[in-house]
Amino acid sequence: MPEEELVELKFRLYDGSDIGPFRYSPASTVAMLKERIVAEWPKDKKIAPKGANDVKLINAGKLLENNKTVGQCRVPFGDLPKAVITMHVVVQPSVTKAKTEKVVDETPRKNFCSCSIL
């Protein structure tokens, strides 16, 4: 049985800088990649993820799901040998705060109608 070939990935950040490249097994999950990105995130960046849930990965125009493996996300471009795959990283903070603020801002409103006929 042939040895499993590792996939080389680098991650492009919002400012054009990169994290990596790193070599991963095709069985590695997207969630594992996100955890590595958070751990390797440059300290000098203004925008930084607080956790893996704040990171979104995009490959070939598709948002990658946490439960997918690297092998499933890999887009075959004629199966380029030893090519480094660039995935784009988007930091999107959790929206739980925004939802709670919206609920707090809602106040009961009185229903009344005002009509003017000229």
Protein backbone atom coordinates (compact mmCIF):
# COMPACT_ATOMS: atom_id res chain seq x y z
CA MET A 1 0.00 0.00 0.00
CA PRO A 2 1.50 3.38 -0.98
CA GLU A 3 2.42 5.83 1.76
CA GLU A 4 -0.08 8.64 2.30
CA GLU A 5 1.15 11.82 0.60
CA LEU A 6 1.08 14.94 2.77
CA VAL A 7 -0.64 18.09 1.52
CA GLU A 8 1.25 21.37 1.83
CA LEU A 9 -0.94 24.32 2.84
CA LYS A 10 -0.37 27.99 3.55
CA PHE A 11 -2.93 30.42 4.89
CA ARG A 12 -3.35 33.92 3.44
CA LEU A 13 -4.43 36.55 5.97
CA TYR A 14 -6.52 39.69 5.39
CA ASP A 15 -3.44 41.90 4.88
CA GLY A 16 -1.78 39.61 2.32
CA SER A 17 0.70 38.00 4.70
CA ASP A 18 0.89 34.23 5.06
CA ILE A 19 1.01 31.66 7.83
CA GLY A 20 2.90 28.57 6.79
CA PRO A 21 3.38 26.55 4.67
CA PHE A 22 2.70 23.48 6.77
CA ARG A 23 2.31 19.84 5.76
CA TYR A 24 -0.88 18.00 6.70
CA SER A 25 -2.26 14.53 6.28
CA PRO A 26 -5.30 14.35 3.97
CA ALA A 27 -7.18 12.93 6.99
CA SER A 28 -6.68 16.19 8.99
CA THR A 29 -9.93 18.06 9.59
CA VAL A 30 -10.64 21.72 8.87
CA ALA A 31 -11.19 22.21 12.62
CA MET A 32 -7.59 21.07 13.21
CA LEU A 33 -6.35 23.58 10.62
CA LYS A 34 -8.26 26.40 12.35
CA GLU A 35 -6.74 25.51 15.72
CA ARG A 36 -3.26 25.64 14.18
CA ILE A 37 -4.02 29.03 12.59
CA VAL A 38 -5.11 30.47 15.95
CA ALA A 39 -1.95 29.09 17.60
CA GLU A 40 0.34 30.48 14.85
CA TRP A 41 -1.47 33.85 14.45
CA PRO A 42 1.06 36.75 14.36
CA LYS A 43 0.94 38.79 17.59
CA ASP A 44 1.41 42.13 15.78
CA LYS A 45 -1.90 41.97 13.84
CA LYS A 46 -4.69 44.38 14.80
CA ILE A 47 -7.41 41.83 14.05
CA ALA A 48 -6.93 38.48 15.75
CA PRO A 49 -9.25 35.50 16.33
CA LYS A 50 -10.10 34.64 19.93
CA GLY A 51 -10.71 31.00 19.07
CA ALA A 52 -11.08 28.55 16.21
CA ASN A 53 -14.79 29.44 15.86
CA ASP A 54 -13.81 32.98 14.81
CA VAL A 55 -11.83 31.66 11.82
CA LYS A 56 -13.37 30.90 8.43
CA LEU A 57 -11.33 29.13 5.76
CA ILE A 58 -11.97 29.59 2.05
CA ASN A 59 -10.49 27.34 -0.62
CA ALA A 60 -11.34 27.66 -4.32
CA GLY A 61 -14.18 30.05 -3.48
CA LYS A 62 -15.85 27.67 -1.04
CA LEU A 63 -16.27 28.09 2.70
CA LEU A 64 -14.87 24.97 4.36
CA GLU A 65 -16.85 23.12 7.02
CA ASN A 66 -15.16 22.02 10.27
CA ASN A 67 -16.01 18.33 9.85
CA LYS A 68 -14.49 18.02 6.35
CA THR A 69 -11.00 16.63 5.85
CA VAL A 70 -8.18 18.21 3.89
CA GLY A 71 -8.50 15.41 1.34
CA GLN A 72 -12.19 16.23 0.80
CA CYS A 73 -11.52 19.98 0.44
CA ARG A 74 -8.68 19.59 -2.03
CA VAL A 75 -9.64 20.79 -5.49
CA PRO A 76 -7.86 18.80 -8.20
CA PHE A 77 -6.21 21.20 -10.64
CA GLY A 78 -4.93 18.37 -12.79
CA ASP A 79 -3.44 16.94 -9.57
CA LEU A 80 -0.45 19.25 -9.47
CA PRO A 81 2.35 17.36 -7.74
CA LYS A 82 3.97 18.97 -4.69
CA ALA A 83 2.00 22.21 -5.14
CA VAL A 84 1.38 24.45 -2.12
CA ILE A 85 -2.34 25.12 -1.70
CA THR A 86 -3.26 28.60 -0.47
CA MET A 87 -6.36 28.91 1.69
CA HIS A 88 -7.77 32.31 2.58
CA VAL A 89 -8.44 33.11 6.23
CA VAL A 90 -11.31 35.36 7.33
CA VAL A 91 -11.69 36.43 10.94
CA GLN A 92 -15.36 36.73 11.83
CA PRO A 93 -16.02 37.21 15.55
CA SER A 94 -18.88 35.30 17.10
CA VAL A 95 -22.25 37.03 16.76
CA THR A 96 -23.65 36.11 20.18
CA LYS A 97 -23.10 39.65 21.51
CA ALA A 98 -24.92 41.23 18.58
CA LYS A 99 -27.93 38.97 19.08
CA THR A 100 -28.22 39.78 22.78
CA GLU A 101 -27.90 43.52 22.12
CA LYS A 102 -30.71 43.32 19.58
CA VAL A 103 -33.00 41.60 22.08
CA VAL A 104 -32.19 44.21 24.74
CA ASP A 105 -32.92 47.10 22.35
CA GLU A 106 -36.43 45.89 21.56
CA THR A 107 -38.96 47.80 23.65
CA PRO A 108 -42.74 47.35 23.64
CA ARG A 109 -44.37 49.77 21.26
CA LYS A 110 -47.84 51.20 21.45
CA ASN A 111 -49.98 50.56 18.44
CA PHE A 112 -51.79 53.62 17.20
CA CYS A 113 -52.65 55.04 13.86
CA SER A 114 -52.52 58.62 12.75
CA CYS A 115 -54.22 59.55 9.50
CA SER A 116 -54.30 62.89 7.81
CA ILE A 117 -56.68 63.72 4.97
CA LEU A 118 -55.91 66.86 3.03
